[in-house]
């Protein structure tokens, strides 16, 4: 599955307490500042990356909303609200560059991207098996988000996109800390599936990150 998302981005053109209760949506510069950075020429890769990330952030929100209804654990509810802000941040960039929104009026759990649709179906099924399976799905989604955002930034030079992506990555690092902390409460250790295990350990061994909207 990792190779699938590398191709989607690169192949287009070439704890006992619920830490999510204090989870901030972190932007080192506020969103309006990032959006109001000067418009720059948009490459095909940047355009298609924004389209993908708009639906990928929706994927996270929709999965967590589904799993909150299934398990009633606050970590899903709290982080789904952050993901709503994340996907809105990408929408702001789409609007800025006059790119058609792939989400449109799609309902929760509905995606234009066939690979993301399959991933939603698979992960909601997996996450419905047990509470720990659900928490593992949460960590997996954040693992994927971090990977895709970091890979995309290797080919993006627009200041505004990089400002948003960097801060979404920071938010995802906080999210994966929250999910893995909850897994630890159940005696389960999450293993990295997309990012390197060494990067995951670095993230988990560092504190929650803060910043302003």
C-alpha atoms as a PDB file:
ATOM      1  CA  UNK A   1       0.000   0.000   0.000  1.00  0.00           C
ATOM      2  CA  UNK A   2       2.930   2.340   0.634  1.00  0.00           C
ATOM      3  CA  UNK A   3       3.985   2.184  -3.012  1.00  0.00           C
ATOM      4  CA  UNK A   4       0.454   3.043  -4.084  1.00  0.00           C
ATOM      5  CA  UNK A   5       0.559   6.398  -2.361  1.00  0.00           C
ATOM      6  CA  UNK A   6       4.096   7.166  -3.494  1.00  0.00           C
ATOM      7  CA  UNK A   7       2.816   6.705  -7.039  1.00  0.00           C
ATOM      8  CA  UNK A   8      -0.275   8.777  -6.379  1.00  0.00           C
ATOM      9  CA  UNK A   9       1.907  11.703  -5.323  1.00  0.00           C
ATOM     10  CA  UNK A  10       5.116  11.204  -7.278  1.00  0.00           C
ATOM     11  CA  UNK A  11       3.988   9.113 -10.232  1.00  0.00           C
ATOM     12  CA  UNK A  12       1.460  11.717 -11.416  1.00  0.00           C
ATOM     13  CA  UNK A  13       4.252  13.829 -12.817  1.00  0.00           C
ATOM     14  CA  UNK A  14       7.596  12.569 -13.254  1.00  0.00           C
ATOM     15  CA  UNK A  15      -1.419   7.318  27.606  1.00  0.00           C
ATOM     16  CA  UNK A  16      -4.038   6.643  30.441  1.00  0.00           C
ATOM     17  CA  UNK A  17      -5.240  10.200  29.939  1.00  0.00           C
ATOM     18  CA  UNK A  18      -6.624  11.138  26.553  1.00  0.00           C
ATOM     19  CA  UNK A  19      -3.936  13.464  25.253  1.00  0.00           C
ATOM     20  CA  UNK A  20      -6.097  14.475  22.301  1.00  0.00           C
ATOM     21  CA  UNK A  21      -8.084  16.621  24.727  1.00  0.00           C
ATOM     22  CA  UNK A  22      -5.233  19.113  24.566  1.00  0.00           C
ATOM     23  CA  UNK A  23      -4.469  18.514  20.881  1.00  0.00           C
ATOM     24  CA  UNK A  24      -4.000  21.849  19.156  1.00  0.00           C
ATOM     25  CA  UNK A  25      -4.360  22.439  15.451  1.00  0.00           C
ATOM     26  CA  UNK A  26      -0.910  23.864  14.941  1.00  0.00           C
ATOM     27  CA  UNK A  27       0.137  26.461  12.398  1.00  0.00           C
ATOM     28  CA  UNK A  28       3.465  28.212  12.973  1.00  0.00           C
ATOM     29  CA  UNK A  29       1.942  31.077  11.023  1.00  0.00           C
ATOM     30  CA  UNK A  30      -1.821  31.396  11.225  1.00  0.00           C
ATOM     31  CA  UNK A  31      -3.874  30.013   8.367  1.00  0.00           C
ATOM     32  CA  UNK A  32      -4.917  33.388   7.005  1.00  0.00           C
ATOM     33  CA  UNK A  33      -1.253  34.430   6.890  1.00  0.00           C
ATOM     34  CA  UNK A  34      -0.312  31.247   5.017  1.00  0.00           C
ATOM     35  CA  UNK A  35      -3.178  31.625   2.545  1.00  0.00           C
ATOM     36  CA  UNK A  36      -2.318  35.297   1.950  1.00  0.00           C
ATOM     37  CA  UNK A  37       1.285  34.610   1.044  1.00  0.00           C
ATOM     38  CA  UNK A  38       1.875  35.661  -2.566  1.00  0.00           C
ATOM     39  CA  UNK A  39       0.363  33.423  -5.219  1.00  0.00           C
ATOM     40  CA  UNK A  40       2.998  31.622  -7.256  1.00  0.00           C
ATOM     41  CA  UNK A  41       2.995  29.671 -10.472  1.00  0.00           C
ATOM     42  CA  UNK A  42       1.435  26.301  -9.738  1.00  0.00           C
ATOM     43  CA  UNK A  43       3.034  23.163 -11.144  1.00  0.00           C
ATOM     44  CA  UNK A  44       0.963  20.175 -12.206  1.00  0.00           C
ATOM     45  CA  UNK A  45       2.433  18.235  -9.302  1.00  0.00           C
ATOM     46  CA  UNK A  46       1.404  20.929  -6.809  1.00  0.00           C
ATOM     47  CA  UNK A  47      -2.105  21.087  -8.236  1.00  0.00           C
ATOM     48  CA  UNK A  48      -2.587  17.334  -8.079  1.00  0.00           C
ATOM     49  CA  UNK A  49      -1.016  17.121  -4.650  1.00  0.00           C
ATOM     50  CA  UNK A  50      -3.574  19.613  -3.316  1.00  0.00           C
ATOM     51  CA  UNK A  51      -6.408  17.609  -4.874  1.00  0.00           C
ATOM     52  CA  UNK A  52      -5.113  14.401  -3.284  1.00  0.00           C
ATOM     53  CA  UNK A  53      -4.474  15.951   0.132  1.00  0.00           C
ATOM     54  CA  UNK A  54      -7.945  17.524   0.212  1.00  0.00           C
ATOM     55  CA  UNK A  55      -9.481  14.043   0.024  1.00  0.00           C
ATOM     56  CA  UNK A  56      -6.823  12.412   2.199  1.00  0.00           C
ATOM     57  CA  UNK A  57      -7.550  14.831   5.053  1.00  0.00           C
ATOM     58  CA  UNK A  58     -11.274  14.156   4.536  1.00  0.00           C
ATOM     59  CA  UNK A  59     -10.443  10.450   4.714  1.00  0.00           C
ATOM     60  CA  UNK A  60      -8.949  10.934   8.178  1.00  0.00           C
ATOM     61  CA  UNK A  61     -11.901  13.004   9.385  1.00  0.00           C
ATOM     62  CA  UNK A  62     -14.484  10.565   8.056  1.00  0.00           C
ATOM     63  CA  UNK A  63     -12.740   7.489   9.480  1.00  0.00           C
ATOM     64  CA  UNK A  64     -12.435   9.067  12.933  1.00  0.00           C
ATOM     65  CA  UNK A  65     -16.060  10.187  12.881  1.00  0.00           C
ATOM     66  CA  UNK A  66     -17.090   6.636  11.991  1.00  0.00           C
ATOM     67  CA  UNK A  67     -14.894   5.083  14.693  1.00  0.00           C
ATOM     68  CA  UNK A  68     -16.122   7.536  17.322  1.00  0.00           C
ATOM     69  CA  UNK A  69     -19.683   6.410  16.621  1.00  0.00           C
ATOM     70  CA  UNK A  70     -18.495   2.794  16.859  1.00  0.00           C
ATOM     71  CA  UNK A  71     -16.406   3.016  20.036  1.00  0.00           C
ATOM     72  CA  UNK A  72     -17.298   6.301  21.738  1.00  0.00           C
ATOM     73  CA  UNK A  73     -13.660   7.111  22.542  1.00  0.00           C
ATOM     74  CA  UNK A  74     -12.927  10.833  22.763  1.00  0.00           C
ATOM     75  CA  UNK A  75      -9.629  10.603  20.920  1.00  0.00           C
ATOM     76  CA  UNK A  76     -11.556   9.925  17.693  1.00  0.00           C
ATOM     77  CA  UNK A  77     -13.984  12.773  18.246  1.00  0.00           C
ATOM     78  CA  UNK A  78     -11.309  15.306  19.183  1.00  0.00           C
ATOM     79  CA  UNK A  79      -8.970  14.481  16.332  1.00  0.00           C
ATOM     80  CA  UNK A  80     -11.802  14.369  13.782  1.00  0.00           C
ATOM     81  CA  UNK A  81     -12.396  18.053  14.609  1.00  0.00           C
ATOM     82  CA  UNK A  82      -8.742  18.815  13.926  1.00  0.00           C
ATOM     83  CA  UNK A  83      -8.973  16.940  10.622  1.00  0.00           C
ATOM     84  CA  UNK A  84     -11.965  19.067   9.669  1.00  0.00           C
ATOM     85  CA  UNK A  85      -9.724  22.111  10.057  1.00  0.00           C
ATOM     86  CA  UNK A  86      -6.981  20.370   8.061  1.00  0.00           C
ATOM     87  CA  UNK A  87      -9.204  19.592   5.096  1.00  0.00           C
ATOM     88  CA  UNK A  88     -10.604  23.151   5.214  1.00  0.00           C
ATOM     89  CA  UNK A  89      -7.047  24.477   5.042  1.00  0.00           C
ATOM     90  CA  UNK A  90      -6.473  22.569   1.806  1.00  0.00           C
ATOM     91  CA  UNK A  91      -9.818  23.815   0.471  1.00  0.00           C
ATOM     92  CA  UNK A  92      -8.647  27.388   1.052  1.00  0.00           C
ATOM     93  CA  UNK A  93      -5.638  26.717  -1.166  1.00  0.00           C
ATOM     94  CA  UNK A  94      -7.809  25.082  -3.819  1.00  0.00           C
ATOM     95  CA  UNK A  95     -10.030  28.156  -3.849  1.00  0.00           C
ATOM     96  CA  UNK A  96      -7.043  30.470  -3.947  1.00  0.00           C
ATOM     97  CA  UNK A  97      -5.699  28.761  -7.058  1.00  0.00           C
ATOM     98  CA  UNK A  98      -9.166  28.223  -8.566  1.00  0.00           C
ATOM     99  CA  UNK A  99      -8.885  24.433  -8.561  1.00  0.00           C
ATOM    100  CA  UNK A 100     -12.096  22.417  -8.586  1.00  0.00           C
ATOM    101  CA  UNK A 101     -12.726  20.844  -5.193  1.00  0.00           C
ATOM    102  CA  UNK A 102     -12.784  17.011  -5.466  1.00  0.00           C
ATOM    103  CA  UNK A 103     -14.902  16.752  -2.317  1.00  0.00           C
ATOM    104  CA  UNK A 104     -17.754  18.952  -3.475  1.00  0.00           C
ATOM    105  CA  UNK A 105     -20.968  17.730  -1.840  1.00  0.00           C
ATOM    106  CA  UNK A 106     -19.696  14.194  -1.273  1.00  0.00           C
ATOM    107  CA  UNK A 107     -21.100  12.634   1.887  1.00  0.00           C
ATOM    108  CA  UNK A 108     -18.958  11.175   4.656  1.00  0.00           C
ATOM    109  CA  UNK A 109     -17.180   8.064   3.429  1.00  0.00           C
ATOM    110  CA  UNK A 110     -17.532   8.980  -0.262  1.00  0.00           C
ATOM    111  CA  UNK A 111     -14.426   9.819  -2.321  1.00  0.00           C
ATOM    112  CA  UNK A 112     -13.688  10.614  -5.952  1.00  0.00           C
ATOM    113  CA  UNK A 113     -10.273   8.962  -5.642  1.00  0.00           C
ATOM    114  CA  UNK A 114     -10.817   5.200  -6.035  1.00  0.00           C
ATOM    115  CA  UNK A 115      -7.747   4.291  -3.975  1.00  0.00           C
ATOM    116  CA  UNK A 116      -8.914   6.469  -1.080  1.00  0.00           C
ATOM    117  CA  UNK A 117     -12.409   5.005  -1.358  1.00  0.00           C
ATOM    118  CA  UNK A 118     -10.979   1.503  -1.012  1.00  0.00           C
ATOM    119  CA  UNK A 119      -8.785   2.613   1.876  1.00  0.00           C
ATOM    120  CA  UNK A 120     -11.783   4.094   3.690  1.00  0.00           C
ATOM    121  CA  UNK A 121     -13.749   0.884   3.214  1.00  0.00           C
ATOM    122  CA  UNK A 122     -10.851  -1.300   4.350  1.00  0.00           C
ATOM    123  CA  UNK A 123      -9.856   0.784   7.371  1.00  0.00           C
ATOM    124  CA  UNK A 124     -13.364   1.288   8.714  1.00  0.00           C
ATOM    125  CA  UNK A 125     -13.871  -2.474   8.483  1.00  0.00           C
ATOM    126  CA  UNK A 126     -10.574  -3.139  10.255  1.00  0.00           C
ATOM    127  CA  UNK A 127     -11.251  -0.515  12.889  1.00  0.00           C
ATOM    128  CA  UNK A 128     -14.637  -1.983  13.698  1.00  0.00           C
ATOM    129  CA  UNK A 129     -13.166  -5.293  14.881  1.00  0.00           C
ATOM    130  CA  UNK A 130     -11.899  -4.184  18.313  1.00  0.00           C
ATOM    131  CA  UNK A 131     -11.073  -0.970  20.164  1.00  0.00           C
ATOM    132  CA  UNK A 132      -7.357  -1.567  19.716  1.00  0.00           C
ATOM    133  CA  UNK A 133      -7.872  -2.246  16.006  1.00  0.00           C
ATOM    134  CA  UNK A 134      -9.656   1.103  15.778  1.00  0.00           C
ATOM    135  CA  UNK A 135      -6.835   2.917  17.549  1.00  0.00           C
ATOM    136  CA  UNK A 136      -4.317   1.173  15.315  1.00  0.00           C
ATOM    137  CA  UNK A 137      -6.246   2.421  12.281  1.00  0.00           C
ATOM    138  CA  UNK A 138      -6.004   5.954  13.683  1.00  0.00           C
ATOM    139  CA  UNK A 139      -2.235   5.663  14.027  1.00  0.00           C
ATOM    140  CA  UNK A 140      -2.017   4.175  10.527  1.00  0.00           C
ATOM    141  CA  UNK A 141      -3.899   7.100   8.972  1.00  0.00           C
ATOM    142  CA  UNK A 142      -1.604   9.617  10.676  1.00  0.00           C
ATOM    143  CA  UNK A 143       1.430   7.588   9.645  1.00  0.00           C
ATOM    144  CA  UNK A 144       0.214   7.825   6.030  1.00  0.00           C
ATOM    145  CA  UNK A 145      -0.509  11.554   6.317  1.00  0.00           C
ATOM    146  CA  UNK A 146       2.974  12.304   7.627  1.00  0.00           C
ATOM    147  CA  UNK A 147       4.553  10.220   4.869  1.00  0.00           C
ATOM    148  CA  UNK A 148       2.551  11.756   2.039  1.00  0.00           C
ATOM    149  CA  UNK A 149       2.947  15.333   3.253  1.00  0.00           C
ATOM    150  CA  UNK A 150       6.710  14.938   3.661  1.00  0.00           C
ATOM    151  CA  UNK A 151       7.071  13.294   0.251  1.00  0.00           C
ATOM    152  CA  UNK A 152       5.014  16.018  -1.408  1.00  0.00           C
ATOM    153  CA  UNK A 153       7.132  18.802   0.086  1.00  0.00           C
ATOM    154  CA  UNK A 154      10.175  17.401  -1.673  1.00  0.00           C
ATOM    155  CA  UNK A 155       8.684  18.647  -4.950  1.00  0.00           C
ATOM    156  CA  UNK A 156       6.768  21.718  -3.800  1.00  0.00           C
ATOM    157  CA  UNK A 157       8.317  25.183  -3.732  1.00  0.00           C
ATOM    158  CA  UNK A 158       5.241  27.398  -3.298  1.00  0.00           C
ATOM    159  CA  UNK A 159       5.495  29.167   0.054  1.00  0.00           C
ATOM    160  CA  UNK A 160       1.820  28.989   0.897  1.00  0.00           C
ATOM    161  CA  UNK A 161       1.461  25.271   0.169  1.00  0.00           C
ATOM    162  CA  UNK A 162       4.618  24.473   2.116  1.00  0.00           C
ATOM    163  CA  UNK A 163       3.413  26.565   5.072  1.00  0.00           C
ATOM    164  CA  UNK A 164       0.138  24.650   5.235  1.00  0.00           C
ATOM    165  CA  UNK A 165       1.703  21.237   4.610  1.00  0.00           C
ATOM    166  CA  UNK A 166       4.381  21.757   7.260  1.00  0.00           C
ATOM    167  CA  UNK A 167       1.758  22.561   9.847  1.00  0.00           C
ATOM    168  CA  UNK A 168      -0.542  19.722   8.842  1.00  0.00           C
ATOM    169  CA  UNK A 169       2.465  17.442   9.324  1.00  0.00           C
ATOM    170  CA  UNK A 170       2.968  18.903  12.784  1.00  0.00           C
ATOM    171  CA  UNK A 171      -0.692  18.254  13.566  1.00  0.00           C
ATOM    172  CA  UNK A 172      -0.358  14.660  12.363  1.00  0.00           C
ATOM    173  CA  UNK A 173       2.654  14.145  14.606  1.00  0.00           C
ATOM    174  CA  UNK A 174       0.492  15.186  17.561  1.00  0.00           C
ATOM    175  CA  UNK A 175      -2.305  12.916  16.395  1.00  0.00           C
ATOM    176  CA  UNK A 176      -0.082   9.861  16.105  1.00  0.00           C
ATOM    177  CA  UNK A 177       1.243  10.593  19.599  1.00  0.00           C
ATOM    178  CA  UNK A 178      -2.328  10.552  20.897  1.00  0.00           C
ATOM    179  CA  UNK A 179      -3.309   7.328  19.156  1.00  0.00           C
ATOM    180  CA  UNK A 180      -0.164   5.461  20.153  1.00  0.00           C
ATOM    181  CA  UNK A 181      -0.551   6.659  23.748  1.00  0.00           C
ATOM    182  CA  UNK A 182      -4.038   5.192  23.865  1.00  0.00           C
ATOM    183  CA  UNK A 183      -2.784   1.962  22.302  1.00  0.00           C
ATOM    184  CA  UNK A 184      -0.152   1.795  25.033  1.00  0.00           C
ATOM    185  CA  UNK A 185      -2.948   1.884  27.604  1.00  0.00           C
ATOM    186  CA  UNK A 186      -4.047  -1.451  26.151  1.00  0.00           C
ATOM    187  CA  UNK A 187      -0.507  -2.837  26.054  1.00  0.00           C
ATOM    188  CA  UNK A 188      -0.217  -2.488  22.271  1.00  0.00           C
ATOM    189  CA  UNK A 189       2.763  -0.962  20.452  1.00  0.00           C
ATOM    190  CA  UNK A 190       2.205   0.603  17.040  1.00  0.00           C
ATOM    191  CA  UNK A 191       4.708  -0.245  14.304  1.00  0.00           C
ATOM    192  CA  UNK A 192       5.359   2.235  11.496  1.00  0.00           C
ATOM    193  CA  UNK A 193       3.872   1.251   8.136  1.00  0.00           C
ATOM    194  CA  UNK A 194       4.754   4.262   5.957  1.00  0.00           C
ATOM    195  CA  UNK A 195       7.344   6.451   7.656  1.00  0.00           C
ATOM    196  CA  UNK A 196      10.606   4.980   8.889  1.00  0.00           C
ATOM    197  CA  UNK A 197      10.490   3.350  12.317  1.00  0.00           C
ATOM    198  CA  UNK A 198      13.319   5.633  13.448  1.00  0.00           C
ATOM    199  CA  UNK A 199      11.228   8.696  12.578  1.00  0.00           C
ATOM    200  CA  UNK A 200       8.248   7.273  14.448  1.00  0.00           C
ATOM    201  CA  UNK A 201      10.406   6.747  17.529  1.00  0.00           C
ATOM    202  CA  UNK A 202      11.739  10.298  17.292  1.00  0.00           C
ATOM    203  CA  UNK A 203       8.173  11.620  17.135  1.00  0.00           C
ATOM    204  CA  UNK A 204       6.947   9.514  20.053  1.00  0.00           C
ATOM    205  CA  UNK A 205       9.962  10.414  22.190  1.00  0.00           C
ATOM    206  CA  UNK A 206       9.303  14.137  21.775  1.00  0.00           C
ATOM    207  CA  UNK A 207       6.535  16.183  23.431  1.00  0.00           C
ATOM    208  CA  UNK A 208       3.278  17.442  21.960  1.00  0.00           C
ATOM    209  CA  UNK A 209       3.906  20.430  19.698  1.00  0.00           C
ATOM    210  CA  UNK A 210       2.058  23.707  20.049  1.00  0.00           C
ATOM    211  CA  UNK A 211       1.471  26.695  17.858  1.00  0.00           C
ATOM    212  CA  UNK A 212      -1.077  29.339  17.002  1.00  0.00           C
ATOM    213  CA  UNK A 213      -3.936  29.257  14.531  1.00  0.00           C
END
